[in-house]
């Protein structure tokens, strides 16, 4: 039995009204198709960004500044969780006070644009991924199409989960640590970050965690194209654990192991999930290879 030859992205066909493939697309046709996918994705991003800009005051007061306030929900939940475990105040972080200042005339306007563009990108992320999937869809086999149709949900889910982790967990730890960190004993240094610095830090946390939580998806893709396998991930597991624990130790303001574990556990869990998913792919590849023997 001869395996089905897959079409590459640059061998897509135009489909007529009756569903019959008529002729092969040229390179210019591909560029034209890609252009319209990019245009639609960009329009979705801009529309959502405009909505963020219109409601910028409410978003800034209730979302952007929330992790820098003592009454933020994450501080309350962690403190109550520590009391529930009879750990006293070990999970209760010190009061946070981050007075923001501006040193440029255009500071508030640039900050509003920054918030709008990043907020629009995060919110429109599923549609952007959908447009990318529509572009490569004709190059997929029927089997790949069946599995890839679910990938939009999982890619979006992992991204939003990571962004939520960055906002509700990592941002409070980070801002609490930075706001209460002191250098010197004379009090010569006064902590007054700029508005742009605060927003950039928050944006980096959201986007960074969103991308980091794509680790299982990335592992599946790399395993399917043969660049990694479960043995490779297991061999470097100890080094991955060390890097994750070091990162958790840096980001947590408290030296106790519980605070560090709260930050490290999701990343460790993602790595283990990646190993499980790649192991299943390895088993499937081995089963397919035996069928062709």
Protein backbone atom coordinates (compact mmCIF):
# COMPACT_ATOMS: atom_id res chain seq x y z
CA UNK A 1 0.00 0.00 0.00
CA UNK A 2 1.51 3.35 -1.05
CA UNK A 3 1.20 6.17 1.51
CA UNK A 4 -0.75 9.24 0.44
CA UNK A 5 1.44 12.09 -0.77
CA UNK A 6 0.71 15.30 1.10
CA UNK A 7 0.45 18.65 -0.60
CA UNK A 8 2.80 21.35 0.55
CA UNK A 9 1.63 24.87 1.24
CA UNK A 10 3.05 25.93 -2.12
CA UNK A 11 1.08 23.23 -3.99
CA UNK A 12 -2.40 24.28 -2.98
CA UNK A 13 -5.26 24.14 -5.44
CA UNK A 14 -8.09 26.51 -6.19
CA UNK A 15 -11.50 24.98 -5.58
CA UNK A 16 -14.45 25.72 -7.81
CA UNK A 17 -18.08 26.04 -6.87
CA UNK A 18 -18.65 22.29 -7.32
CA UNK A 19 -15.79 21.50 -4.94
CA UNK A 20 -13.49 20.25 -7.73
CA UNK A 21 -9.87 21.31 -7.73
CA UNK A 22 -9.28 23.27 -10.91
CA UNK A 23 -5.69 24.44 -11.13
CA UNK A 24 -2.56 24.76 -9.07
CA UNK A 25 -1.99 28.06 -7.32
CA UNK A 26 1.06 30.08 -8.30
CA UNK A 27 3.46 31.73 -5.89
CA UNK A 28 1.69 35.07 -6.49
CA UNK A 29 -1.65 33.42 -5.69
CA UNK A 30 -0.21 32.24 -2.38
CA UNK A 31 1.04 35.72 -1.56
CA UNK A 32 -2.38 37.15 -2.39
CA UNK A 33 -4.11 34.59 -0.17
CA UNK A 34 -1.65 35.23 2.65
CA UNK A 35 -2.15 38.98 2.30
CA UNK A 36 -5.90 38.74 2.84
CA UNK A 37 -5.47 36.42 5.84
CA UNK A 38 -3.05 38.94 7.35
CA UNK A 39 -5.39 41.84 6.56
CA UNK A 40 -8.35 40.17 8.29
CA UNK A 41 -6.21 39.27 11.31
CA UNK A 42 -4.87 42.84 11.49
CA UNK A 43 -8.36 44.31 11.22
CA UNK A 44 -9.59 42.13 14.08
CA UNK A 45 -6.62 43.25 16.17
CA UNK A 46 -7.24 46.93 15.39
CA UNK A 47 -11.00 46.73 16.09
CA UNK A 48 -10.43 45.18 19.50
CA UNK A 49 -7.61 47.65 20.23
CA UNK A 50 -9.98 50.56 19.45
CA UNK A 51 -12.48 49.13 21.94
CA UNK A 52 -9.73 48.97 24.56
CA UNK A 53 -8.77 52.57 23.82
CA UNK A 54 -12.37 53.77 24.20
CA UNK A 55 -12.66 52.14 27.63
CA UNK A 56 -9.03 52.89 28.60
CA UNK A 57 -9.89 54.65 31.88
CA UNK A 58 -11.88 51.73 33.29
CA UNK A 59 -9.32 49.20 32.02
CA UNK A 60 -6.44 51.14 33.55
CA UNK A 61 -8.15 51.57 36.94
CA UNK A 62 -9.59 48.07 37.30
CA UNK A 63 -7.21 45.83 35.34
CA UNK A 64 -3.81 47.44 34.77
CA UNK A 65 -3.34 48.88 38.26
CA UNK A 66 -5.02 46.00 40.11
CA UNK A 67 -1.88 43.81 40.64
CA UNK A 68 -0.08 46.80 42.22
CA UNK A 69 -2.70 47.22 44.95
CA UNK A 70 -2.84 45.51 48.31
CA UNK A 71 -6.51 44.59 47.81
CA UNK A 72 -5.82 42.59 44.65
CA UNK A 73 -7.71 39.27 44.70
CA UNK A 74 -4.54 37.17 44.42
CA UNK A 75 -3.11 38.67 47.63
CA UNK A 76 -6.33 37.89 49.49
CA UNK A 77 -6.61 34.32 48.22
CA UNK A 78 -2.97 33.48 48.98
CA UNK A 79 -3.22 34.96 52.46
CA UNK A 80 -6.47 33.11 53.21
CA UNK A 81 -4.96 29.91 51.83
CA UNK A 82 -2.00 30.29 54.19
CA UNK A 83 -4.36 30.76 57.16
CA UNK A 84 -6.36 27.70 56.06
CA UNK A 85 -3.17 25.62 56.17
CA UNK A 86 -2.34 27.07 59.62
CA UNK A 87 0.80 28.70 58.24
CA UNK A 88 0.18 32.09 59.76
CA UNK A 89 1.26 35.03 57.60
CA UNK A 90 3.78 33.11 55.46
CA UNK A 91 1.70 33.55 52.29
CA UNK A 92 0.57 37.09 53.12
CA UNK A 93 2.68 39.52 51.12
CA UNK A 94 3.76 42.93 52.48
CA UNK A 95 1.64 45.93 51.48
CA UNK A 96 2.28 47.11 47.95
CA UNK A 97 2.77 50.76 47.09
CA UNK A 98 3.83 51.60 43.55
CA UNK A 99 3.50 55.35 42.88
CA UNK A 100 3.74 55.86 39.13
CA UNK A 101 5.24 58.94 37.58
CA UNK A 102 5.54 60.34 34.08
CA UNK A 103 8.52 62.14 32.63
CA UNK A 104 7.27 62.80 29.09
CA UNK A 105 4.43 64.92 27.69
CA UNK A 106 3.15 62.06 25.55
CA UNK A 107 3.45 59.49 28.35
CA UNK A 108 -0.29 58.95 29.08
CA UNK A 109 -1.21 58.79 25.39
CA UNK A 110 1.59 56.33 24.56
CA UNK A 111 0.64 54.24 27.59
CA UNK A 112 -3.00 54.15 26.42
CA UNK A 113 -1.88 53.02 22.96
CA UNK A 114 0.37 50.37 24.49
CA UNK A 115 -2.45 49.03 26.65
CA UNK A 116 -4.86 49.03 23.71
CA UNK A 117 -2.51 47.25 21.30
CA UNK A 118 -1.42 44.55 23.76
CA UNK A 119 -4.98 44.08 25.03
CA UNK A 120 -6.23 43.84 21.46
CA UNK A 121 -3.54 41.30 20.57
CA UNK A 122 -4.35 39.08 23.54
CA UNK A 123 -8.11 39.26 23.01
CA UNK A 124 -7.94 38.72 19.24
CA UNK A 125 -5.38 35.94 19.54
CA UNK A 126 -7.81 33.07 18.76
CA UNK A 127 -8.98 34.77 15.56
CA UNK A 128 -5.40 35.48 14.49
CA UNK A 129 -4.55 31.80 14.97
CA UNK A 130 -7.72 30.88 13.06
CA UNK A 131 -6.63 32.97 10.06
CA UNK A 132 -3.21 31.34 10.10
CA UNK A 133 -4.86 27.90 10.23
CA UNK A 134 -7.12 28.80 7.27
CA UNK A 135 -4.02 29.66 5.22
CA UNK A 136 -2.31 26.30 5.78
CA UNK A 137 -5.57 24.29 5.74
CA UNK A 138 -5.49 23.37 2.01
CA UNK A 139 -2.01 21.88 2.43
CA UNK A 140 -3.14 19.44 5.12
CA UNK A 141 -4.19 15.87 4.57
CA UNK A 142 -7.63 14.73 5.73
CA UNK A 143 -6.08 13.11 8.81
CA UNK A 144 -4.03 16.22 9.66
CA UNK A 145 -7.09 18.37 9.08
CA UNK A 146 -9.07 16.32 11.58
CA UNK A 147 -6.50 16.81 14.33
CA UNK A 148 -5.49 20.38 13.48
CA UNK A 149 -9.07 21.64 13.74
CA UNK A 150 -8.80 21.14 17.50
CA UNK A 151 -5.45 22.91 17.67
CA UNK A 152 -7.02 26.38 17.52
CA UNK A 153 -8.83 25.73 20.78
CA UNK A 154 -5.79 24.28 22.55
CA UNK A 155 -3.39 26.96 21.34
CA UNK A 156 -5.81 29.67 22.48
CA UNK A 157 -6.57 27.88 25.75
CA UNK A 158 -2.87 27.51 26.62
CA UNK A 159 -2.21 31.15 25.72
CA UNK A 160 -5.07 32.50 27.84
CA UNK A 161 -4.14 30.16 30.70
CA UNK A 162 -0.58 31.46 30.59
CA UNK A 163 -1.68 35.10 30.42
CA UNK A 164 -4.00 34.51 33.40
CA UNK A 165 -1.15 32.90 35.34
CA UNK A 166 1.06 35.89 34.55
CA UNK A 167 -1.63 38.35 35.63
CA UNK A 168 -3.01 36.66 38.75
CA UNK A 169 0.12 34.93 40.08
CA UNK A 170 3.36 36.15 38.55
CA UNK A 171 2.51 39.86 38.37
CA UNK A 172 1.61 40.14 42.09
CA UNK A 173 4.79 38.29 43.09
CA UNK A 174 6.90 40.42 40.75
CA UNK A 175 5.45 43.80 41.70
CA UNK A 176 5.47 42.94 45.39
CA UNK A 177 9.13 41.96 45.19
CA UNK A 178 10.16 45.04 43.21
CA UNK A 179 8.12 47.47 45.31
CA UNK A 180 9.60 46.23 48.59
CA UNK A 181 13.16 45.67 47.40
CA UNK A 182 15.60 48.20 48.78
CA UNK A 183 19.22 49.00 48.02
CA UNK A 184 21.35 50.73 50.62
CA UNK A 185 20.41 51.75 54.16
CA UNK A 186 20.49 55.54 53.89
CA UNK A 187 17.18 55.89 52.10
CA UNK A 188 18.80 57.78 49.25
CA UNK A 189 16.93 55.70 46.70
CA UNK A 190 13.20 56.30 46.37
CA UNK A 191 11.18 53.78 44.39
CA UNK A 192 9.05 55.67 41.86
CA UNK A 193 8.76 53.75 38.58
CA UNK A 194 7.47 55.41 35.45
CA UNK A 195 4.10 54.62 33.94
CA UNK A 196 5.72 53.18 30.80
CA UNK A 197 8.00 50.93 32.85
CA UNK A 198 5.09 49.52 34.86
CA UNK A 199 2.94 48.83 31.78
CA UNK A 200 5.86 47.30 29.87
CA UNK A 201 6.63 44.99 32.80
CA UNK A 202 2.99 43.87 33.02
CA UNK A 203 2.78 43.35 29.24
CA UNK A 204 5.97 41.29 29.24
CA UNK A 205 4.61 39.10 32.02
CA UNK A 206 1.31 38.50 30.22
CA UNK A 207 2.81 37.81 26.80
CA UNK A 208 5.79 35.90 28.22
CA UNK A 209 3.60 33.56 30.27
CA UNK A 210 1.17 33.20 27.38
CA UNK A 211 3.99 32.04 25.12
CA UNK A 212 5.56 29.89 27.86
CA UNK A 213 2.31 28.00 28.36
CA UNK A 214 2.42 27.01 24.69
CA UNK A 215 5.15 24.53 25.67
CA UNK A 216 2.92 21.43 25.26
CA UNK A 217 1.71 22.62 21.86
CA UNK A 218 5.27 23.35 20.75
CA UNK A 219 6.44 19.96 22.01
CA UNK A 220 3.70 18.21 20.01
CA UNK A 221 4.64 20.09 16.82
CA UNK A 222 8.37 19.38 17.23
CA UNK A 223 7.64 15.72 17.97
CA UNK A 224 5.43 15.35 14.90
CA UNK A 225 8.16 16.69 12.61
CA UNK A 226 10.76 14.51 14.29
CA UNK A 227 12.96 17.10 16.02
CA UNK A 228 12.38 15.80 19.56
CA UNK A 229 11.09 12.67 21.27
CA UNK A 230 10.14 11.65 24.78
CA UNK A 231 13.63 10.23 25.45
CA UNK A 232 15.16 13.63 24.66
CA UNK A 233 12.82 15.44 27.06
CA UNK A 234 13.40 12.88 29.81
CA UNK A 235 17.17 13.15 29.38
CA UNK A 236 17.05 16.92 29.91
CA UNK A 237 14.32 16.84 32.57
CA UNK A 238 16.70 17.57 35.46
CA UNK A 239 18.11 20.64 33.71
CA UNK A 240 14.62 21.92 32.93
CA UNK A 241 13.63 21.47 36.57
CA UNK A 242 16.67 23.37 37.77
CA UNK A 243 15.98 26.29 35.42
CA UNK A 244 12.32 26.43 36.46
CA UNK A 245 13.18 26.36 40.18
CA UNK A 246 15.80 29.08 39.74
CA UNK A 247 13.26 31.23 37.92
CA UNK A 248 10.70 30.66 40.68
CA UNK A 249 13.26 31.56 43.36
CA UNK A 250 14.06 34.83 41.58
CA UNK A 251 10.45 35.86 41.06
CA UNK A 252 9.08 35.07 44.52
CA UNK A 253 9.69 37.77 47.14
CA UNK A 254 9.47 35.34 50.06
CA UNK A 255 12.30 32.83 50.66
CA UNK A 256 9.90 30.07 51.84
CA UNK A 257 9.48 27.02 49.61
CA UNK A 258 5.68 27.32 49.43
CA UNK A 259 5.75 30.65 47.61
CA UNK A 260 8.35 29.31 45.19
CA UNK A 261 6.30 26.15 44.62
CA UNK A 262 3.21 28.21 43.70
CA UNK A 263 5.18 29.77 40.84
CA UNK A 264 7.14 26.67 39.84
CA UNK A 265 4.43 24.00 39.91
CA UNK A 266 2.49 25.14 36.80
CA UNK A 267 5.69 25.26 34.74
CA UNK A 268 6.82 21.86 36.00
CA UNK A 269 3.36 20.46 35.24
CA UNK A 270 3.50 21.84 31.70
CA UNK A 271 6.84 20.14 31.13
CA UNK A 272 5.50 16.80 32.35
CA UNK A 273 2.39 17.18 30.17
CA UNK A 274 4.70 17.79 27.22
CA UNK A 275 6.54 14.53 27.93
CA UNK A 276 3.26 12.59 28.10
CA UNK A 277 2.00 14.05 24.82
CA UNK A 278 5.30 13.43 23.03
CA UNK A 279 5.39 9.88 24.36
CA UNK A 280 1.98 9.22 22.80
CA UNK A 281 3.23 10.60 19.49
CA UNK A 282 6.29 8.33 19.67
CA UNK A 283 4.05 5.33 20.26
CA UNK A 284 1.84 6.29 17.33
CA UNK A 285 4.85 6.67 15.05
CA UNK A 286 6.14 3.25 16.12
CA UNK A 287 2.73 1.68 15.46
CA UNK A 288 2.55 3.27 11.99
CA UNK A 289 6.08 2.07 11.19
CA UNK A 290 5.15 -1.51 12.08
CA UNK A 291 2.13 -1.35 9.79
CA UNK A 292 4.34 -0.43 6.83
CA UNK A 293 6.80 -3.26 7.45
